[in-house]
Amino acid sequence: MSKYGVLVMGPAGAGKTTFCSALITHLRNNRRSCFYVNLDPAAEDFVHEPDLDIKDLISLEDVMEEMGLGPNGGLIYCFEFLLENLDFLSEALDPLSEEYLIIIDMPGQIELYTHIPILPALVKHLTRTGALDISLCATYLLEATFVVDRAKFFAGTLSAMSAMIMLEVPHVNVMSKMDLVKGQVSKRELKRFIDPDSSLLDDVDGDEEDDGEAPGDTQTLMKGTSFKRLNRAVAGLIDSFSMVSFLQLDVQDEDSVGSILSYIDDAIQFHEAQEPREPIEEMEQEEQYVE
């Protein structure tokens, strides 16, 4: 029996847990079942308590204290430990029916999505036919405020593309926190970032160095010729793959959350597997949500 899930990823501060909370609220408001999995061993505050929490298996605080590791090393250790104890996930997820959307909230350490093979191994376990067999959609969040700094935006877009290539599952890229750029960036300008290409760098200031500043100064380096060439190389790489485009998300707007969910449902073909319901079944399910 197939299962359906969404893996919510992105850098720290992108709004992953906030999006998960908004998604759960939207699903419950529309009488859909969901199962919330927290895989961030450092997360503490939740609007909706997770149905399964990695901290019941291992916590980042304990690892840092007992192993003498820093936050990043400790998080990698936590995930390596999880891979050695995958029954923790399997036993909780295996009983779920195809009516559930499994929402997996990931931590924000970017190395998990770029070059360390831990996450691909986890995804392979979740999606393997004959085991959990979860039809999984990766959803990568990038904060909308990145559009103010073109170099930062292209670095974030490159990390999203790296995750797409590493995980090899259906993928949705989301520009989150759209409410933070209202009034700062025009709608016309924002549309240019939905399908990123190197033309976004055309209106950046010229390539000349600032002679009045010290050559080793950080700000000088980030305005210098070499840095601009690096940005254009990154933008050109993203352009040549032509894989990344973004959906816009405002978690304060339920229609916006619903729109993202519809893309996720299409990616995992959720509705195609659902059995038609008799009216009496619809009424009984509705009563379960009215408390």
Protein backbone atom coordinates (compact mmCIF):
# COMPACT_ATOMS: atom_id res chain seq x y z
CA MET A 1 0.00 0.00 0.00
CA SER A 2 1.47 3.33 -1.06
CA LYS A 3 1.93 6.19 1.34
CA TYR A 4 2.34 9.89 0.64
CA GLY A 5 4.67 12.41 2.17
CA VAL A 6 6.39 15.77 1.89
CA LEU A 7 9.95 16.45 3.02
CA VAL A 8 10.22 20.11 4.09
CA MET A 9 13.78 21.41 3.70
CA GLY A 10 15.71 24.64 3.44
CA PRO A 11 18.31 26.80 5.20
CA ALA A 12 17.93 27.95 8.78
CA GLY A 13 15.33 30.68 9.18
CA ALA A 14 13.48 29.85 5.95
CA GLY A 15 10.24 29.12 7.86
CA LYS A 16 10.11 25.34 7.55
CA THR A 17 8.39 24.63 10.87
CA THR A 18 6.04 27.58 10.36
CA PHE A 19 5.10 26.20 6.94
CA CYS A 20 4.55 22.72 8.42
CA SER A 21 2.24 24.22 11.05
CA ALA A 22 0.28 26.18 8.43
CA LEU A 23 0.05 23.07 6.25
CA ILE A 24 -1.27 20.95 9.14
CA THR A 25 -3.86 23.61 10.00
CA HIS A 26 -4.96 23.78 6.36
CA LEU A 27 -5.23 20.00 6.09
CA ARG A 28 -7.30 19.74 9.26
CA ASN A 29 -9.56 22.57 8.15
CA ASN A 30 -10.18 20.58 4.97
CA ARG A 31 -10.74 17.31 6.86
CA ARG A 32 -7.60 15.63 5.63
CA SER A 33 -5.45 13.33 7.74
CA CYS A 34 -1.79 14.08 8.34
CA PHE A 35 1.11 12.71 10.36
CA TYR A 36 3.73 15.19 11.54
CA VAL A 37 7.34 13.99 11.87
CA ASN A 38 9.99 16.26 13.38
CA LEU A 39 13.53 15.30 12.35
CA ASP A 40 15.22 18.39 13.79
CA PRO A 41 16.95 17.19 16.98
CA ALA A 42 17.30 20.79 18.20
CA ALA A 43 13.71 21.97 17.66
CA GLU A 44 11.68 22.71 20.77
CA ASP A 45 8.67 24.94 20.09
CA PHE A 46 5.79 23.66 17.95
CA VAL A 47 2.32 24.97 17.19
CA HIS A 48 1.26 21.36 16.55
CA GLU A 49 3.01 18.70 18.61
CA PRO A 50 4.78 16.16 16.37
CA ASP A 51 3.28 12.70 16.08
CA LEU A 52 6.86 11.41 15.88
CA ASP A 53 9.85 13.36 17.22
CA ILE A 54 13.51 12.45 16.64
CA LYS A 55 14.25 13.80 20.13
CA ASP A 56 12.53 10.69 21.50
CA LEU A 57 15.40 8.78 19.88
CA ILE A 58 18.29 11.25 20.19
CA SER A 59 18.65 14.96 20.91
CA LEU A 60 21.27 17.42 19.74
CA GLU A 61 21.75 18.77 23.27
CA ASP A 62 22.63 15.32 24.63
CA VAL A 63 25.01 14.61 21.75
CA MET A 64 26.86 17.91 22.19
CA GLU A 65 27.18 17.35 25.93
CA GLU A 66 28.22 13.67 25.84
CA MET A 67 30.30 13.62 22.63
CA GLY A 68 31.85 17.09 22.91
CA LEU A 69 30.67 18.03 19.41
CA GLY A 70 29.56 21.39 18.06
CA PRO A 71 26.07 22.05 16.63
CA ASN A 72 26.87 20.99 13.05
CA GLY A 73 28.92 17.93 14.00
CA GLY A 74 26.31 16.96 16.57
CA LEU A 75 23.52 17.16 14.01
CA ILE A 76 25.42 14.95 11.57
CA TYR A 77 25.94 12.45 14.40
CA CYS A 78 22.19 12.50 15.16
CA PHE A 79 21.35 11.65 11.55
CA GLU A 80 23.98 8.93 11.37
CA PHE A 81 22.43 7.47 14.52
CA LEU A 82 18.97 7.70 12.92
CA LEU A 83 20.22 5.79 9.87
CA GLU A 84 21.41 3.03 12.22
CA ASN A 85 17.96 2.94 13.86
CA LEU A 86 15.54 3.28 10.96
CA ASP A 87 13.02 1.07 12.75
CA PHE A 88 12.23 4.22 14.74
CA LEU A 89 10.67 5.63 11.57
CA SER A 90 9.39 2.39 10.04
CA GLU A 91 7.40 1.27 13.08
CA ALA A 92 5.59 4.61 13.31
CA LEU A 93 4.95 5.13 9.58
CA ASP A 94 4.18 1.60 8.43
CA PRO A 95 0.61 1.44 9.90
CA LEU A 96 -0.46 4.67 8.14
CA SER A 97 -2.95 4.40 5.30
CA GLU A 98 -2.83 6.18 1.96
CA GLU A 99 -5.26 8.81 3.31
CA TYR A 100 -2.48 10.38 5.38
CA LEU A 101 -0.05 13.04 4.23
CA ILE A 102 3.21 12.48 6.11
CA ILE A 103 4.87 15.85 6.81
CA ILE A 104 8.59 15.57 7.60
CA ASP A 105 10.16 18.69 9.09
CA MET A 106 13.93 18.79 8.50
CA PRO A 107 16.68 20.83 10.22
CA GLY A 108 18.25 23.88 8.58
CA GLN A 109 21.90 22.79 8.29
CA ILE A 110 22.56 23.30 4.61
CA GLU A 111 25.25 20.63 4.33
CA LEU A 112 22.56 17.97 4.71
CA TYR A 113 21.10 19.02 1.36
CA THR A 114 24.26 19.73 -0.61
CA HIS A 115 27.11 17.23 -0.28
CA ILE A 116 26.68 14.80 2.64
CA PRO A 117 25.06 11.48 1.52
CA ILE A 118 22.97 11.07 4.69
CA LEU A 119 19.74 12.53 3.34
CA PRO A 120 19.78 10.54 0.07
CA ALA A 121 20.14 7.37 2.18
CA LEU A 122 17.17 8.41 4.33
CA VAL A 123 15.04 9.22 1.27
CA LYS A 124 15.93 5.88 -0.30
CA HIS A 125 14.69 4.10 2.84
CA LEU A 126 11.44 6.09 2.90
CA THR A 127 10.65 5.54 -0.78
CA ARG A 128 11.88 1.97 -1.27
CA THR A 129 9.26 -0.24 -2.88
CA GLY A 130 8.27 -3.15 -0.70
CA ALA A 131 9.16 -1.31 2.50
CA LEU A 132 7.54 1.99 3.47
CA ASP A 133 7.00 2.83 -0.22
CA ILE A 134 6.28 6.53 0.41
CA SER A 135 5.59 8.64 -2.65
CA LEU A 136 7.69 11.59 -1.50
CA CYS A 137 7.88 15.22 -2.64
CA ALA A 138 10.80 17.35 -1.47
CA THR A 139 9.81 20.94 -0.75
CA TYR A 140 12.71 23.38 -0.49
CA LEU A 141 12.03 26.74 1.15
CA LEU A 142 14.08 29.86 0.43
CA GLU A 143 13.36 33.10 2.25
CA ALA A 144 11.95 35.83 -0.01
CA THR A 145 14.21 38.46 1.58
CA PHE A 146 17.10 36.83 -0.35
CA VAL A 147 15.91 38.69 -3.45
CA VAL A 148 17.28 41.92 -1.99
CA ASP A 149 20.82 40.53 -2.30
CA ARG A 150 21.31 38.92 -5.74
CA ALA A 151 24.46 37.02 -4.71
CA LYS A 152 22.67 35.55 -1.69
CA PHE A 153 19.67 34.64 -3.84
CA PHE A 154 21.77 32.74 -6.37
CA ALA A 155 23.65 30.94 -3.57
CA GLY A 156 20.30 29.83 -2.13
CA THR A 157 19.04 28.80 -5.56
CA LEU A 158 22.21 26.77 -6.12
CA SER A 159 21.62 24.92 -2.83
CA ALA A 160 18.04 24.18 -3.93
CA MET A 161 19.31 22.79 -7.23
CA SER A 162 21.91 20.71 -5.40
CA ALA A 163 19.15 19.17 -3.26
CA MET A 164 17.09 18.40 -6.37
CA ILE A 165 20.02 16.57 -7.97
CA MET A 166 21.00 14.67 -4.81
CA LEU A 167 17.57 13.42 -3.75
CA GLU A 168 16.11 12.46 -7.13
CA VAL A 169 12.48 12.75 -6.02
CA PRO A 170 9.70 15.11 -7.19
CA HIS A 171 10.64 18.57 -6.01
CA VAL A 172 8.87 21.86 -5.31
CA ASN A 173 10.85 25.05 -4.60
CA VAL A 174 9.08 27.67 -2.51
CA MET A 175 9.91 31.32 -1.87
CA SER A 176 8.70 31.73 1.71
CA LYS A 177 7.92 34.76 3.89
CA MET A 178 6.49 36.74 0.99
CA ASP A 179 4.82 39.06 3.51
CA LEU A 180 8.27 40.39 4.50
CA VAL A 181 9.02 41.85 1.05
CA LYS A 182 5.65 43.47 0.44
CA GLY A 183 6.28 47.16 -0.02
CA GLN A 184 10.02 46.60 -0.50
CA VAL A 185 10.00 44.80 -3.85
CA SER A 186 7.43 45.36 -6.58
CA LYS A 187 5.38 42.46 -7.95
CA ARG A 188 6.94 43.01 -11.35
CA GLU A 189 10.42 42.74 -9.88
CA LEU A 190 9.51 39.62 -7.87
CA LYS A 191 8.34 37.84 -11.01
CA ARG A 192 11.91 37.99 -12.30
CA PHE A 193 13.01 35.72 -9.44
CA ILE A 194 10.37 33.03 -9.99
CA ASP A 195 12.37 31.53 -12.88
CA PRO A 196 15.91 32.67 -12.04
CA ASP A 197 18.42 33.34 -14.79
CA SER A 198 21.65 35.29 -15.19
CA SER A 199 19.84 38.39 -16.49
CA LEU A 200 19.08 39.22 -12.85
CA LEU A 201 22.70 40.33 -12.57
CA ASP A 202 22.52 42.68 -15.55
CA ASP A 203 21.27 45.60 -13.50
CA VAL A 204 23.86 45.18 -10.75
CA ASP A 205 26.51 47.90 -10.52
CA GLY A 206 29.55 47.72 -12.78
CA ASP A 207 32.58 45.54 -12.24
CA GLU A 208 35.06 48.18 -11.19
CA GLU A 209 36.82 47.99 -7.81
CA ASP A 210 36.42 50.78 -5.25
CA ASP A 211 39.89 52.36 -5.18
CA GLY A 212 39.25 54.17 -1.92
CA GLU A 213 38.88 51.01 0.13
CA ALA A 214 41.40 48.49 1.40
CA PRO A 215 41.81 45.53 -1.02
CA GLY A 216 41.38 43.01 1.80
CA ASP A 217 38.23 44.60 3.19
CA THR A 218 35.24 42.21 3.11
CA GLN A 219 32.88 44.75 1.58
CA THR A 220 35.46 45.61 -1.07
CA LEU A 221 35.90 41.94 -1.97
CA MET A 222 32.14 41.47 -2.29
CA LYS A 223 31.95 44.37 -4.74
CA GLY A 224 35.06 43.37 -6.66
CA THR A 225 35.55 41.89 -10.11
CA SER A 226 36.33 38.36 -8.92
CA PHE A 227 33.21 38.19 -6.76
CA LYS A 228 31.05 39.40 -9.64
CA ARG A 229 32.57 36.81 -11.96
CA LEU A 230 31.81 34.12 -9.37
CA ASN A 231 28.18 35.27 -9.18
CA ARG A 232 27.86 35.16 -12.94
CA ALA A 233 29.38 31.68 -13.04
CA VAL A 234 26.89 30.44 -10.42
CA ALA A 235 23.98 32.13 -12.23
CA GLY A 236 25.16 30.65 -15.53
CA LEU A 237 25.31 27.16 -14.01
CA ILE A 238 21.75 27.50 -12.68
CA ASP A 239 20.64 28.86 -16.04
CA SER A 240 22.23 25.99 -17.97
CA PHE A 241 20.45 23.33 -15.89
CA SER A 242 17.15 25.23 -16.09
CA MET A 243 15.73 23.17 -13.22
CA VAL A 244 14.80 25.69 -10.54
CA SER A 245 11.65 27.78 -10.38
CA PHE A 246 9.83 29.05 -7.31
CA LEU A 247 6.29 29.17 -5.97
CA GLN A 248 5.38 32.07 -3.70
CA LEU A 249 4.23 31.40 -0.13
CA ASP A 250 2.61 33.62 2.47
CA VAL A 251 1.73 31.41 5.45
CA GLN A 252 -0.70 34.06 6.70
CA ASP A 253 -2.81 33.45 3.59
CA GLU A 254 -4.62 30.11 3.62
CA ASP A 255 -5.15 30.25 -0.15
CA SER A 256 -1.39 30.54 -0.59
CA VAL A 257 -0.82 27.48 1.61
CA GLY A 258 -3.54 25.62 -0.29
CA SER A 259 -1.88 26.49 -3.59
CA ILE A 260 1.46 25.02 -2.45
CA LEU A 261 -0.36 21.91 -1.21
CA SER A 262 -2.00 21.44 -4.60
CA TYR A 263 1.45 21.36 -6.26
CA ILE A 264 2.66 18.82 -3.69
CA ASP A 265 -0.45 16.67 -4.23
CA ASP A 266 0.12 16.74 -7.99
CA ALA A 267 3.79 15.82 -7.60
CA ILE A 268 3.00 12.73 -5.49
CA GLN A 269 -0.29 11.96 -7.31
CA PHE A 270 -2.11 11.94 -4.00
CA HIS A 271 -5.67 12.32 -5.27
CA GLU A 272 -5.34 9.59 -7.88
CA ALA A 273 -5.00 6.98 -5.15
CA GLN A 274 -7.95 8.10 -3.03
CA GLU A 275 -11.09 5.99 -3.03
CA PRO A 276 -14.40 7.76 -3.74
CA ARG A 277 -16.34 8.34 -0.53
CA GLU A 278 -19.99 7.75 0.16
CA PRO A 279 -21.82 10.80 1.60
CA ILE A 280 -22.27 9.06 4.95
CA GLU A 281 -18.50 8.51 5.20
CA GLU A 282 -17.89 12.20 4.48
CA MET A 283 -20.26 13.16 7.28
CA GLU A 284 -18.64 10.78 9.76
CA GLN A 285 -15.18 12.10 8.96
CA GLU A 286 -16.39 15.70 9.28
CA GLU A 287 -17.76 14.94 12.75
CA GLN A 288 -14.28 13.75 13.83
CA TYR A 289 -12.86 17.20 13.12
CA VAL A 290 -15.63 19.15 14.83
CA GLU A 291 -14.76 19.17 18.51
